[in-house]
Amino acid sequence: MTAVAVVVRLWVRAVFLNAVVMCIASIPEQNVFAIAVLFTVLVGGFILTCPLIPAIWGLLAVFAKLPYHTTDKLIWLLCMLIAITAAYYMVFALVFLPLKELAPLVPLICGTSIAVVAAAFWTKSSIIQLNNYHYEQHLV
């Protein structure tokens, strides 16, 4: 398993789960049109979060080099992914929204944090394989 494959897998799963969370959250207001929200968030998520791929790749490189147990490293990775996601949303919002309209971002950031955690646990076996591969390379 290469680092690029793990990064892309983690990113795609996080965007997909975020779209599902946003679709479920919009069901009370949108009814049947929540499906449109799903596809809009999915396409928009892929387009808008492409710049996060190098950041995730860098985090996985640091993850592989940390001298801790795999579980501790996974928790560190989760915290960093959530922090990067929240910071990305905040920077994006500060550029495009006035300060008074930042309150609606709280459910978005919480939903995305849930999606990132679920995607990380969904990709956990690939992340651990990458960690084991990196560990074995440094034993030789």
Protein backbone atom coordinates (compact mmCIF):
# COMPACT_ATOMS: atom_id res chain seq x y z
CA MET A 1 0.00 0.00 0.00
CA THR A 2 1.56 3.28 -1.08
CA ALA A 3 1.16 6.55 0.78
CA VAL A 4 -0.61 8.12 -2.20
CA ALA A 5 -3.23 5.35 -2.25
CA VAL A 6 -3.85 5.74 1.48
CA VAL A 7 -4.13 9.53 1.18
CA VAL A 8 -6.57 9.36 -1.73
CA ARG A 9 -8.60 6.64 -0.05
CA LEU A 10 -8.84 8.65 3.17
CA TRP A 11 -9.71 11.85 1.30
CA VAL A 12 -12.39 10.26 -0.90
CA ARG A 13 -14.01 8.51 2.05
CA ALA A 14 -14.01 11.69 4.14
CA VAL A 15 -15.62 13.72 1.33
CA PHE A 16 -18.21 11.00 0.73
CA LEU A 17 -19.09 10.66 4.41
CA ASN A 18 -19.25 14.43 4.77
CA ALA A 19 -21.73 14.58 1.89
CA VAL A 20 -23.83 11.87 3.55
CA VAL A 21 -23.78 13.73 6.89
CA MET A 22 -24.80 16.99 5.21
CA CYS A 23 -27.56 15.18 3.31
CA ILE A 24 -28.94 13.68 6.52
CA ALA A 25 -28.73 17.06 8.26
CA SER A 26 -30.66 18.73 5.43
CA ILE A 27 -33.52 16.21 5.33
CA PRO A 28 -35.81 18.19 7.72
CA GLU A 29 -35.56 21.31 5.56
CA GLN A 30 -35.12 19.89 2.08
CA ASN A 31 -37.19 16.66 2.20
CA VAL A 32 -36.66 14.79 -1.08
CA PHE A 33 -34.29 17.46 -2.37
CA ALA A 34 -31.71 16.35 0.20
CA ILE A 35 -30.45 14.05 -2.56
CA ALA A 36 -29.48 17.18 -4.49
CA VAL A 37 -27.64 18.38 -1.39
CA LEU A 38 -25.77 15.06 -1.33
CA PHE A 39 -24.55 15.40 -4.92
CA THR A 40 -23.80 19.12 -4.57
CA VAL A 41 -21.73 18.60 -1.42
CA LEU A 42 -20.03 15.59 -2.99
CA VAL A 43 -18.94 17.44 -6.14
CA GLY A 44 -18.16 20.64 -4.25
CA GLY A 45 -16.24 18.70 -1.63
CA PHE A 46 -14.04 17.05 -4.21
CA ILE A 47 -13.35 20.35 -5.93
CA LEU A 48 -12.83 22.50 -2.83
CA THR A 49 -10.80 20.06 -0.75
CA CYS A 50 -8.23 19.07 -3.38
CA PRO A 51 -5.67 21.40 -1.74
CA LEU A 52 -5.87 19.30 1.42
CA ILE A 53 -4.34 16.23 -0.27
CA PRO A 54 -0.71 17.40 0.17
CA ALA A 55 -1.43 18.30 3.81
CA ILE A 56 -2.86 14.83 4.45
CA TRP A 57 0.13 13.29 2.71
CA GLY A 58 2.48 15.28 4.96
CA LEU A 59 0.54 14.18 8.04
CA LEU A 60 0.84 10.54 7.00
CA ALA A 61 4.58 10.98 6.50
CA VAL A 62 4.92 12.40 10.01
CA PHE A 63 2.59 9.66 11.30
CA ALA A 64 4.89 6.97 9.92
CA LYS A 65 7.94 8.52 11.60
CA LEU A 66 6.48 9.06 15.06
CA PRO A 67 8.14 6.76 17.63
CA TYR A 68 4.91 5.81 19.42
CA HIS A 69 2.49 2.89 19.41
CA THR A 70 0.19 2.65 16.40
CA THR A 71 -2.95 3.47 18.41
CA ASP A 72 -1.37 6.61 19.83
CA LYS A 73 -0.21 7.64 16.39
CA LEU A 74 -3.71 7.08 14.98
CA ILE A 75 -5.22 9.32 17.66
CA TRP A 76 -2.61 11.97 16.84
CA LEU A 77 -3.49 11.66 13.14
CA LEU A 78 -7.20 12.04 13.89
CA CYS A 79 -6.60 15.18 15.94
CA MET A 80 -4.42 16.68 13.23
CA LEU A 81 -6.91 15.84 10.48
CA ILE A 82 -9.73 17.47 12.44
CA ALA A 83 -7.58 20.52 13.19
CA ILE A 84 -6.56 20.91 9.54
CA THR A 85 -10.15 20.52 8.39
CA ALA A 86 -11.46 23.08 10.88
CA ALA A 87 -8.66 25.51 10.02
CA TYR A 88 -9.34 25.06 6.29
CA TYR A 89 -13.03 25.81 6.77
CA MET A 90 -12.26 28.85 8.91
CA VAL A 91 -9.76 30.31 6.42
CA PHE A 92 -12.16 29.63 3.56
CA ALA A 93 -15.02 31.24 5.49
CA LEU A 94 -13.03 34.28 6.55
CA VAL A 95 -12.13 34.95 2.93
CA PHE A 96 -15.66 34.58 1.56
CA LEU A 97 -18.04 35.38 4.46
CA PRO A 98 -18.47 38.34 6.79
CA LEU A 99 -17.66 37.71 10.45
CA LYS A 100 -21.32 37.81 11.48
CA GLU A 101 -22.16 34.81 9.29
CA LEU A 102 -19.61 32.38 10.72
CA ALA A 103 -22.06 30.80 13.22
CA PRO A 104 -23.59 28.40 10.64
CA LEU A 105 -20.13 26.90 10.16
CA VAL A 106 -20.22 25.21 13.56
CA PRO A 107 -22.56 22.36 12.46
CA LEU A 108 -20.58 22.06 9.22
CA ILE A 109 -17.28 21.71 11.08
CA CYS A 110 -18.82 19.24 13.55
CA GLY A 111 -20.31 17.16 10.74
CA THR A 112 -17.05 17.17 8.85
CA SER A 113 -15.16 16.18 12.00
CA ILE A 114 -17.48 13.19 12.40
CA ALA A 115 -16.93 12.30 8.74
CA VAL A 116 -13.13 12.58 9.10
CA VAL A 117 -13.11 10.33 12.18
CA ALA A 118 -15.33 7.77 10.44
CA ALA A 119 -13.17 7.88 7.30
CA ALA A 120 -9.99 7.44 9.34
CA PHE A 121 -11.42 4.40 11.10
CA TRP A 122 -12.71 3.09 7.75
CA THR A 123 -9.17 3.45 6.35
CA LYS A 124 -7.48 2.27 9.55
CA SER A 125 -6.20 -1.02 8.11
CA SER A 126 -4.51 0.77 5.19
CA ILE A 127 -2.97 3.32 7.54
CA ILE A 128 -1.64 0.54 9.78
CA GLN A 129 -0.26 -1.32 6.73
CA LEU A 130 1.53 1.86 5.68
CA ASN A 131 2.91 2.24 9.20
CA ASN A 132 4.12 -1.39 9.28
CA TYR A 133 5.72 -1.04 5.85
CA HIS A 134 7.56 2.09 6.95
CA TYR A 135 8.66 0.39 10.18
CA GLU A 136 9.97 -2.67 8.31
CA GLN A 137 11.90 -0.49 5.87
CA HIS A 138 13.82 1.07 8.74
CA LEU A 139 14.68 -2.26 10.39
CA VAL A 140 16.97 -3.28 7.54
